[in-house]
């Protein structure tokens, strides 16, 4: 599902916004997280585990930084996210370039 699709604009988004207004303020973040995962699963459900892993990883890194602010933990968190991005965005490109050379 893409943001400009008719289903998203006239189906998913209005229902999501209506439910968000009905949702108690205490649970809005959890509701938005669940809706985001549902949206992502509709587009590419096979890779949903990567997003869930990244969310959980970032949650624990943030909790660690809240208790003791460590530049090492911040660097580990940023490097983990950049590594995931680099792998899933550029691994296919580099493997094709190496195999064609």
N, C-alpha and C. Protein backbone atom coordinates (compact mmCIF):
# COMPACT_ATOMS: atom_id res chain seq x y z
N UNK A 1 0.86 -1.16 0.00
CA UNK A 1 0.00 0.00 0.00
C UNK A 1 0.91 1.23 0.00
N UNK A 2 0.58 2.20 -0.81
CA UNK A 2 1.33 3.44 -0.87
C UNK A 2 0.44 4.59 -0.40
N UNK A 3 1.08 5.68 -0.02
CA UNK A 3 0.34 6.82 0.51
C UNK A 3 -0.60 7.45 -0.50
N UNK A 4 -0.31 7.33 -1.77
CA UNK A 4 -1.14 7.98 -2.78
C UNK A 4 -2.21 7.07 -3.36
N UNK A 5 -2.34 5.85 -2.85
CA UNK A 5 -3.36 4.94 -3.38
C UNK A 5 -4.74 5.37 -2.90
N UNK A 6 -5.74 5.03 -3.69
CA UNK A 6 -7.12 5.37 -3.32
C UNK A 6 -7.55 4.68 -2.04
N UNK A 7 -7.11 3.43 -1.86
CA UNK A 7 -7.47 2.71 -0.64
C UNK A 7 -6.93 3.41 0.59
N UNK A 8 -5.69 3.88 0.51
CA UNK A 8 -5.12 4.58 1.67
C UNK A 8 -5.83 5.90 1.93
N UNK A 9 -6.00 6.71 0.87
CA UNK A 9 -6.57 8.04 1.03
C UNK A 9 -8.03 8.04 1.44
N UNK A 10 -8.81 7.11 0.90
CA UNK A 10 -10.25 7.13 1.14
C UNK A 10 -10.75 5.99 2.02
N UNK A 11 -9.88 5.09 2.40
CA UNK A 11 -10.28 3.98 3.25
C UNK A 11 -9.50 3.93 4.55
N UNK A 12 -8.20 3.68 4.43
CA UNK A 12 -7.36 3.47 5.61
C UNK A 12 -7.23 4.74 6.45
N UNK A 13 -6.87 5.85 5.82
CA UNK A 13 -6.61 7.08 6.55
C UNK A 13 -7.85 7.64 7.27
N UNK A 14 -9.01 7.74 6.62
CA UNK A 14 -10.18 8.24 7.35
C UNK A 14 -10.58 7.36 8.53
N UNK A 15 -10.52 6.04 8.33
CA UNK A 15 -10.86 5.14 9.43
C UNK A 15 -9.85 5.29 10.57
N UNK A 16 -8.58 5.37 10.21
CA UNK A 16 -7.53 5.54 11.22
C UNK A 16 -7.72 6.83 12.01
N UNK A 17 -7.99 7.93 11.33
CA UNK A 17 -8.17 9.21 12.02
C UNK A 17 -9.42 9.21 12.90
N UNK A 18 -10.49 8.59 12.43
CA UNK A 18 -11.71 8.50 13.25
C UNK A 18 -11.46 7.67 14.50
N UNK A 19 -10.80 6.53 14.34
CA UNK A 19 -10.49 5.70 15.50
C UNK A 19 -9.51 6.39 16.44
N UNK A 20 -8.59 7.16 15.88
CA UNK A 20 -7.64 7.88 16.71
C UNK A 20 -8.34 8.92 17.59
N UNK A 21 -9.35 9.58 17.05
CA UNK A 21 -10.11 10.55 17.84
C UNK A 21 -10.91 9.87 18.95
N UNK A 22 -11.35 8.64 18.72
CA UNK A 22 -12.10 7.90 19.73
C UNK A 22 -11.20 7.24 20.76
N UNK A 23 -9.94 7.08 20.43
CA UNK A 23 -8.99 6.40 21.31
C UNK A 23 -8.62 7.29 22.49
N UNK A 24 -8.61 6.74 23.70
CA UNK A 24 -8.18 7.55 24.85
C UNK A 24 -6.73 8.01 24.68
N UNK A 25 -6.42 9.18 25.19
CA UNK A 25 -5.09 9.77 25.03
C UNK A 25 -3.99 8.84 25.55
N UNK A 26 -4.30 8.07 26.56
CA UNK A 26 -3.32 7.17 27.17
C UNK A 26 -2.84 6.09 26.20
N UNK A 27 -3.69 5.69 25.27
CA UNK A 27 -3.38 4.59 24.36
C UNK A 27 -3.09 5.03 22.93
N UNK A 28 -2.99 6.32 22.69
CA UNK A 28 -2.82 6.79 21.31
C UNK A 28 -1.49 6.36 20.69
N UNK A 29 -0.43 6.39 21.45
CA UNK A 29 0.87 5.97 20.89
C UNK A 29 0.85 4.50 20.49
N UNK A 30 0.26 3.67 21.33
CA UNK A 30 0.17 2.24 21.01
C UNK A 30 -0.73 2.03 19.79
N UNK A 31 -1.81 2.78 19.71
CA UNK A 31 -2.71 2.67 18.56
C UNK A 31 -2.01 3.08 17.27
N UNK A 32 -1.27 4.17 17.31
CA UNK A 32 -0.54 4.62 16.12
C UNK A 32 0.53 3.61 15.74
N UNK A 33 1.20 3.02 16.71
CA UNK A 33 2.20 1.99 16.41
C UNK A 33 1.54 0.79 15.74
N UNK A 34 0.41 0.34 16.27
CA UNK A 34 -0.29 -0.80 15.68
C UNK A 34 -0.79 -0.48 14.27
N UNK A 35 -1.30 0.72 14.07
CA UNK A 35 -1.77 1.12 12.74
C UNK A 35 -0.61 1.21 11.75
N UNK A 36 0.52 1.70 12.21
CA UNK A 36 1.70 1.78 11.35
C UNK A 36 2.18 0.39 10.94
N UNK A 37 2.19 -0.54 11.88
CA UNK A 37 2.59 -1.91 11.56
C UNK A 37 1.60 -2.56 10.59
N UNK A 38 0.33 -2.28 10.77
CA UNK A 38 -0.68 -2.79 9.85
C UNK A 38 -0.48 -2.22 8.45
N UNK A 39 -0.22 -0.93 8.35
CA UNK A 39 0.03 -0.28 7.06
C UNK A 39 1.26 -0.89 6.39
N UNK A 40 2.33 -1.08 7.16
CA UNK A 40 3.55 -1.65 6.60
C UNK A 40 3.33 -3.10 6.18
N UNK A 41 2.57 -3.85 6.97
CA UNK A 41 2.30 -5.26 6.65
C UNK A 41 1.49 -5.37 5.37
N UNK A 42 0.62 -4.41 5.10
CA UNK A 42 -0.17 -4.44 3.86
C UNK A 42 0.71 -4.20 2.65
N UNK A 43 1.79 -3.45 2.82
CA UNK A 43 2.67 -3.16 1.70
C UNK A 43 3.72 -4.23 1.47
N UNK A 44 4.37 -4.67 2.52
CA UNK A 44 5.42 -5.69 2.40
C UNK A 44 5.50 -6.46 3.72
N UNK A 45 4.55 -7.33 3.90
CA UNK A 45 4.44 -8.08 5.15
C UNK A 45 5.57 -9.02 5.42
N UNK A 46 6.28 -9.45 4.38
CA UNK A 46 7.38 -10.40 4.56
C UNK A 46 8.49 -9.77 5.38
N UNK A 47 8.70 -8.49 5.24
CA UNK A 47 9.80 -7.81 5.93
C UNK A 47 9.36 -7.12 7.21
N UNK A 48 8.18 -7.44 7.69
CA UNK A 48 7.67 -6.80 8.90
C UNK A 48 8.55 -7.09 10.11
N UNK A 49 9.15 -8.25 10.15
CA UNK A 49 9.99 -8.62 11.29
C UNK A 49 11.16 -7.67 11.45
N UNK A 50 11.67 -7.12 10.36
CA UNK A 50 12.79 -6.17 10.44
C UNK A 50 12.35 -4.90 11.15
N UNK A 51 11.17 -4.42 10.79
CA UNK A 51 10.65 -3.22 11.42
C UNK A 51 10.38 -3.46 12.90
N UNK A 52 9.80 -4.59 13.24
CA UNK A 52 9.53 -4.91 14.64
C UNK A 52 10.84 -5.02 15.43
N UNK A 53 11.83 -5.68 14.84
CA UNK A 53 13.15 -5.78 15.48
C UNK A 53 13.74 -4.40 15.73
N UNK A 54 13.65 -3.54 14.73
CA UNK A 54 14.20 -2.18 14.86
C UNK A 54 13.47 -1.39 15.93
N UNK A 55 12.16 -1.53 16.00
CA UNK A 55 11.39 -0.81 17.03
C UNK A 55 11.79 -1.28 18.43
N UNK A 56 11.87 -2.59 18.61
CA UNK A 56 12.23 -3.14 19.92
C UNK A 56 13.66 -2.73 20.29
N UNK A 57 14.57 -2.84 19.33
CA UNK A 57 15.96 -2.46 19.56
C UNK A 57 16.05 -0.99 19.99
N UNK A 58 15.38 -0.11 19.25
CA UNK A 58 15.43 1.31 19.57
C UNK A 58 14.79 1.63 20.91
N UNK A 59 13.75 0.87 21.27
CA UNK A 59 13.12 1.07 22.57
C UNK A 59 14.11 0.77 23.69
N UNK A 60 14.82 -0.34 23.58
CA UNK A 60 15.77 -0.70 24.64
C UNK A 60 16.98 0.24 24.66
N UNK A 61 17.41 0.69 23.52
CA UNK A 61 18.51 1.67 23.48
C UNK A 61 18.04 2.97 24.15
N UNK A 62 16.82 3.41 23.86
CA UNK A 62 16.30 4.64 24.47
C UNK A 62 16.16 4.49 25.98
N UNK A 63 15.70 3.34 26.43
CA UNK A 63 15.60 3.10 27.87
C UNK A 63 16.98 3.14 28.53
N UNK A 64 17.95 2.56 27.86
CA UNK A 64 19.31 2.57 28.38
C UNK A 64 19.86 4.00 28.44
N UNK A 65 19.59 4.78 27.41
CA UNK A 65 20.06 6.17 27.40
C UNK A 65 19.35 7.02 28.44
N UNK A 66 18.11 6.68 28.77
CA UNK A 66 17.37 7.44 29.77
C UNK A 66 17.95 7.22 31.17
N UNK A 67 18.45 6.02 31.41
CA UNK A 67 18.98 5.72 32.74
C UNK A 67 20.42 6.21 32.91
N UNK A 68 21.20 6.02 31.88
CA UNK A 68 22.58 6.51 31.94
C UNK A 68 22.96 6.96 30.54
N UNK A 69 23.22 8.23 30.43
CA UNK A 69 23.52 8.78 29.12
C UNK A 69 24.95 8.41 28.75
N UNK A 70 25.06 7.53 27.79
CA UNK A 70 26.35 7.02 27.37
C UNK A 70 26.52 7.26 25.87
N UNK A 71 27.61 7.86 25.51
CA UNK A 71 27.88 8.08 24.09
C UNK A 71 28.09 6.77 23.36
N UNK A 72 28.60 5.77 24.07
CA UNK A 72 28.80 4.46 23.46
C UNK A 72 27.46 3.83 23.08
N UNK A 73 26.48 3.89 23.98
CA UNK A 73 25.16 3.32 23.67
C UNK A 73 24.49 4.08 22.54
N UNK A 74 24.65 5.39 22.51
CA UNK A 74 24.10 6.18 21.42
C UNK A 74 24.74 5.79 20.10
N UNK A 75 26.05 5.62 20.11
CA UNK A 75 26.77 5.22 18.89
C UNK A 75 26.35 3.83 18.44
N UNK A 76 26.17 2.91 19.37
CA UNK A 76 25.73 1.56 19.03
C UNK A 76 24.33 1.59 18.41
N UNK A 77 23.44 2.37 18.99
CA UNK A 77 22.08 2.48 18.46
C UNK A 77 22.05 3.07 17.07
N UNK A 78 22.80 4.14 16.85
CA UNK A 78 22.84 4.78 15.53
C UNK A 78 23.48 3.85 14.51
N UNK A 79 24.56 3.19 14.88
CA UNK A 79 25.23 2.28 13.94
C UNK A 79 24.35 1.08 13.58
N UNK A 80 23.60 0.58 14.53
CA UNK A 80 22.70 -0.54 14.23
C UNK A 80 21.64 -0.12 13.22
N UNK A 81 21.07 1.07 13.40
CA UNK A 81 20.05 1.56 12.47
C UNK A 81 20.64 1.84 11.09
N UNK A 82 21.81 2.44 11.05
CA UNK A 82 22.46 2.70 9.77
C UNK A 82 22.87 1.41 9.07
N UNK A 83 23.25 0.42 9.85
CA UNK A 83 23.61 -0.88 9.26
C UNK A 83 22.41 -1.55 8.63
N UNK A 84 21.27 -1.53 9.31
CA UNK A 84 20.05 -2.08 8.72
C UNK A 84 19.67 -1.35 7.44
N UNK A 85 19.75 -0.04 7.48
CA UNK A 85 19.43 0.76 6.30
C UNK A 85 20.37 0.43 5.15
N UNK A 86 21.65 0.40 5.43
CA UNK A 86 22.63 0.12 4.37
C UNK A 86 22.43 -1.28 3.80
N UNK A 87 22.19 -2.26 4.65
CA UNK A 87 22.04 -3.63 4.17
C UNK A 87 20.83 -3.77 3.26
N UNK A 88 19.69 -3.32 3.72
CA UNK A 88 18.47 -3.54 2.94
C UNK A 88 18.29 -2.56 1.79
N UNK A 89 19.03 -1.48 1.79
CA UNK A 89 18.92 -0.54 0.68
C UNK A 89 19.99 -0.80 -0.39
N UNK A 90 21.19 -1.18 0.02
CA UNK A 90 22.30 -1.24 -0.92
C UNK A 90 22.90 -2.62 -1.15
N UNK A 91 22.53 -3.64 -0.39
CA UNK A 91 23.15 -4.96 -0.55
C UNK A 91 22.89 -5.53 -1.94
N UNK A 92 21.67 -5.40 -2.43
CA UNK A 92 21.34 -5.92 -3.75
C UNK A 92 22.13 -5.19 -4.84
N UNK A 93 22.26 -3.88 -4.71
CA UNK A 93 23.01 -3.09 -5.68
C UNK A 93 24.46 -3.54 -5.73
N UNK A 94 25.10 -3.67 -4.56
CA UNK A 94 26.51 -4.06 -4.56
C UNK A 94 26.72 -5.49 -5.02
N UNK A 95 25.80 -6.39 -4.70
CA UNK A 95 25.96 -7.78 -5.15
C UNK A 95 25.82 -7.85 -6.67
N UNK A 96 24.96 -7.08 -7.28
CA UNK A 96 24.84 -7.04 -8.73
C UNK A 96 26.07 -6.42 -9.38
N UNK A 97 26.61 -5.39 -8.77
CA UNK A 97 27.81 -4.76 -9.32
C UNK A 97 29.01 -5.68 -9.26
N UNK A 98 29.13 -6.42 -8.17
CA UNK A 98 30.27 -7.33 -8.02
C UNK A 98 30.13 -8.50 -8.98
N UNK A 99 28.92 -9.03 -9.13
CA UNK A 99 28.75 -10.18 -10.02
C UNK A 99 28.87 -9.81 -11.50
N UNK A 100 28.59 -8.56 -11.85
CA UNK A 100 28.71 -8.16 -13.25
C UNK A 100 30.14 -7.76 -13.62
N UNK A 101 30.99 -7.56 -12.65
CA UNK A 101 32.37 -7.12 -12.93
C UNK A 101 33.26 -8.26 -13.38
